[in-house]
C-alpha atoms as a PDB file:
ATOM      1  CA  UNK A   1      -0.042   0.043   0.100  1.00  0.00           C
ATOM      2  CA  UNK A   2       1.031   3.575  -0.764  1.00  0.00           C
ATOM      3  CA  UNK A   3       1.197   5.506   2.347  1.00  0.00           C
ATOM      4  CA  UNK A   4       2.295   9.544   2.919  1.00  0.00           C
ATOM      5  CA  UNK A   5       5.414   9.633   5.129  1.00  0.00           C
ATOM      6  CA  UNK A   6       4.046  11.168   8.271  1.00  0.00           C
ATOM      7  CA  UNK A   7       3.663  10.396  12.113  1.00  0.00           C
ATOM      8  CA  UNK A   8       5.039   6.843  12.624  1.00  0.00           C
ATOM      9  CA  UNK A   9       6.331   6.260   9.002  1.00  0.00           C
ATOM     10  CA  UNK A  10       9.085   9.230   9.446  1.00  0.00           C
ATOM     11  CA  UNK A  11      10.367   7.281  12.592  1.00  0.00           C
ATOM     12  CA  UNK A  12      10.359   4.080  10.922  1.00  0.00           C
ATOM     13  CA  UNK A  13      12.231   5.611   7.855  1.00  0.00           C
ATOM     14  CA  UNK A  14      14.991   6.541  10.279  1.00  0.00           C
ATOM     15  CA  UNK A  15      15.267   3.069  11.679  1.00  0.00           C
ATOM     16  CA  UNK A  16      17.091   1.622   8.906  1.00  0.00           C
ATOM     17  CA  UNK A  17      20.001   2.710   6.817  1.00  0.00           C
ATOM     18  CA  UNK A  18      18.554   1.717   3.785  1.00  0.00           C
ATOM     19  CA  UNK A  19      15.675   4.389   4.546  1.00  0.00           C
ATOM     20  CA  UNK A  20      17.250   7.035   6.459  1.00  0.00           C
ATOM     21  CA  UNK A  21      17.798   9.322   3.667  1.00  0.00           C
ATOM     22  CA  UNK A  22      14.109   9.466   2.885  1.00  0.00           C
ATOM     23  CA  UNK A  23      13.686  11.974   5.822  1.00  0.00           C
ATOM     24  CA  UNK A  24      17.143  12.745   7.511  1.00  0.00           C
ATOM     25  CA  UNK A  25      17.702  15.938   6.234  1.00  0.00           C
ATOM     26  CA  UNK A  26      14.555  16.926   8.346  1.00  0.00           C
ATOM     27  CA  UNK A  27      15.871  16.844  11.781  1.00  0.00           C
ATOM     28  CA  UNK A  28      12.595  16.386  13.486  1.00  0.00           C
ATOM     29  CA  UNK A  29       9.159  15.063  12.396  1.00  0.00           C
ATOM     30  CA  UNK A  30       7.380  18.593  12.595  1.00  0.00           C
ATOM     31  CA  UNK A  31      10.321  20.088  10.195  1.00  0.00           C
ATOM     32  CA  UNK A  32       9.366  17.136   7.933  1.00  0.00           C
ATOM     33  CA  UNK A  33       5.551  17.795   8.310  1.00  0.00           C
ATOM     34  CA  UNK A  34       6.218  21.256   7.380  1.00  0.00           C
ATOM     35  CA  UNK A  35       8.788  21.270   4.784  1.00  0.00           C
ATOM     36  CA  UNK A  36       9.229  17.346   3.401  1.00  0.00           C
ATOM     37  CA  UNK A  37       7.028  15.509   0.995  1.00  0.00           C
ATOM     38  CA  UNK A  38       6.991  11.465   0.556  1.00  0.00           C
ATOM     39  CA  UNK A  39       5.276   8.407   0.043  1.00  0.00           C
ATOM     40  CA  UNK A  40       6.245   5.020   1.233  1.00  0.00           C
ATOM     41  CA  UNK A  41       5.606   1.384   0.149  1.00  0.00           C
ATOM     42  CA  UNK A  42       4.147  -0.781   3.028  1.00  0.00           C
ATOM     43  CA  UNK A  43       3.998  -4.280   2.553  1.00  0.00           C
ATOM     44  CA  UNK A  44       2.494  -6.595   5.041  1.00  0.00           C
ATOM     45  CA  UNK A  45       3.079  -3.924   7.702  1.00  0.00           C
ATOM     46  CA  UNK A  46       6.729  -3.667   6.565  1.00  0.00           C
ATOM     47  CA  UNK A  47       8.347  -0.523   5.198  1.00  0.00           C
ATOM     48  CA  UNK A  48       9.856  -1.647   1.887  1.00  0.00           C
ATOM     49  CA  UNK A  49      10.086   1.480  -0.357  1.00  0.00           C
ATOM     50  CA  UNK A  50       9.461   5.220  -0.427  1.00  0.00           C
ATOM     51  CA  UNK A  51      10.179   8.394  -2.459  1.00  0.00           C
ATOM     52  CA  UNK A  52      10.449  11.661  -0.523  1.00  0.00           C
ATOM     53  CA  UNK A  53      11.873  15.328  -1.011  1.00  0.00           C
ATOM     54  CA  UNK A  54      15.455  14.882   0.173  1.00  0.00           C
ATOM     55  CA  UNK A  55      16.419  18.246  -0.033  1.00  0.00           C
ATOM     56  CA  UNK A  56      14.613  21.558  -0.368  1.00  0.00           C
ATOM     57  CA  UNK A  57      16.039  24.968  -1.534  1.00  0.00           C
ATOM     58  CA  UNK A  58      14.391  27.977  -3.017  1.00  0.00           C
ATOM     59  CA  UNK A  59      13.843  26.960  -6.543  1.00  0.00           C
ATOM     60  CA  UNK A  60      12.858  23.078  -6.265  1.00  0.00           C
ATOM     61  CA  UNK A  61      13.436  19.771  -4.307  1.00  0.00           C
ATOM     62  CA  UNK A  62      15.553  16.995  -4.444  1.00  0.00           C
ATOM     63  CA  UNK A  63      14.022  13.574  -4.590  1.00  0.00           C
ATOM     64  CA  UNK A  64      15.264  10.415  -2.814  1.00  0.00           C
ATOM     65  CA  UNK A  65      14.060   7.165  -4.106  1.00  0.00           C
ATOM     66  CA  UNK A  66      14.864   3.831  -2.054  1.00  0.00           C
ATOM     67  CA  UNK A  67      13.940   0.153  -1.763  1.00  0.00           C
ATOM     68  CA  UNK A  68      14.894  -2.055   1.105  1.00  0.00           C
ATOM     69  CA  UNK A  69      17.572  -4.110  -0.546  1.00  0.00           C
ATOM     70  CA  UNK A  70      15.706  -7.433  -0.392  1.00  0.00           C
ATOM     71  CA  UNK A  71      12.890  -6.014  -1.913  1.00  0.00           C
ATOM     72  CA  UNK A  72      14.975  -4.268  -5.274  1.00  0.00           C
ATOM     73  CA  UNK A  73      14.283  -5.139  -8.739  1.00  0.00           C
ATOM     74  CA  UNK A  74      10.329  -5.776  -8.223  1.00  0.00           C
ATOM     75  CA  UNK A  75       8.921  -2.689  -9.617  1.00  0.00           C
ATOM     76  CA  UNK A  76       8.386  -0.843  -6.375  1.00  0.00           C
ATOM     77  CA  UNK A  77      10.411   2.413  -7.129  1.00  0.00           C
ATOM     78  CA  UNK A  78       8.898   2.543 -10.433  1.00  0.00           C
ATOM     79  CA  UNK A  79       5.164   2.220  -9.051  1.00  0.00           C
ATOM     80  CA  UNK A  80       5.033   5.831  -8.437  1.00  0.00           C
ATOM     81  CA  UNK A  81       8.330   7.377  -9.626  1.00  0.00           C
ATOM     82  CA  UNK A  82       7.461   6.775 -13.410  1.00  0.00           C
ATOM     83  CA  UNK A  83       4.378   8.534 -13.227  1.00  0.00           C
ATOM     84  CA  UNK A  84       4.296  11.519 -15.730  1.00  0.00           C
ATOM     85  CA  UNK A  85       4.167  14.876 -14.156  1.00  0.00           C
ATOM     86  CA  UNK A  86       1.578  16.828 -16.117  1.00  0.00           C
ATOM     87  CA  UNK A  87       0.846  20.590 -16.174  1.00  0.00           C
ATOM     88  CA  UNK A  88      -2.871  21.652 -17.404  1.00  0.00           C
ATOM     89  CA  UNK A  89      -2.466  25.450 -18.705  1.00  0.00           C
ATOM     90  CA  UNK A  90      -5.625  27.198 -18.359  1.00  0.00           C
ATOM     91  CA  UNK A  91      -4.175  30.358 -20.082  1.00  0.00           C
ATOM     92  CA  UNK A  92      -1.352  31.113 -22.558  1.00  0.00           C
ATOM     93  CA  UNK A  93       0.715  32.758 -19.778  1.00  0.00           C
ATOM     94  CA  UNK A  94       0.510  29.306 -17.861  1.00  0.00           C
ATOM     95  CA  UNK A  95       1.205  27.557 -21.214  1.00  0.00           C
ATOM     96  CA  UNK A  96       4.305  29.629 -21.432  1.00  0.00           C
ATOM     97  CA  UNK A  97       5.620  28.806 -18.015  1.00  0.00           C
ATOM     98  CA  UNK A  98       5.189  25.243 -18.517  1.00  0.00           C
ATOM     99  CA  UNK A  99       7.009  25.316 -21.663  1.00  0.00           C
ATOM    100  CA  UNK A 100       9.744  27.321 -20.059  1.00  0.00           C
ATOM    101  CA  UNK A 101      10.126  24.668 -17.299  1.00  0.00           C
ATOM    102  CA  UNK A 102      10.561  22.113 -20.018  1.00  0.00           C
ATOM    103  CA  UNK A 103       7.044  20.698 -20.253  1.00  0.00           C
ATOM    104  CA  UNK A 104       5.916  19.829 -23.874  1.00  0.00           C
ATOM    105  CA  UNK A 105       2.403  21.019 -25.485  1.00  0.00           C
ATOM    106  CA  UNK A 106       0.471  17.775 -26.014  1.00  0.00           C
ATOM    107  CA  UNK A 107      -3.003  19.272 -27.206  1.00  0.00           C
ATOM    108  CA  UNK A 108      -5.672  21.631 -26.492  1.00  0.00           C
ATOM    109  CA  UNK A 109      -9.376  21.200 -25.427  1.00  0.00           C
ATOM    110  CA  UNK A 110     -12.296  23.180 -24.950  1.00  0.00           C
ATOM    111  CA  UNK A 111     -13.171  24.195 -21.243  1.00  0.00           C
ATOM    112  CA  UNK A 112     -16.187  26.024 -20.089  1.00  0.00           C
ATOM    113  CA  UNK A 113     -16.097  28.419 -17.415  1.00  0.00           C
ATOM    114  CA  UNK A 114     -19.167  29.188 -15.366  1.00  0.00           C
ATOM    115  CA  UNK A 115     -19.415  32.469 -13.731  1.00  0.00           C
ATOM    116  CA  UNK A 116     -22.262  34.291 -11.317  1.00  0.00           C
ATOM    117  CA  UNK A 117     -24.026  37.262 -13.240  1.00  0.00           C
END
């Protein structure tokens, strides 16, 4: 099961050397809750993989992805890290920003906006 890294999962990540870097850059659970973001794979009650913000800086984040050694090569890391990040541009300005950030234009579509009169 995919679970957000929070509370007890923060501490479980710190408990093992393979998973420590998922949260170790945030000294306390509270720091991680305010500044970090991550998802863990829990199988039969055991933490087996995760992806989390490793470092945070003004213009972005670095992502840490790791899997327990005995569970590697089972597709756990790609279960969520292989997702395509998409950008839905509502305006030409938003589209220009998306393209500046490296997103490619896929297709346009008709959208309706309901306003109160």
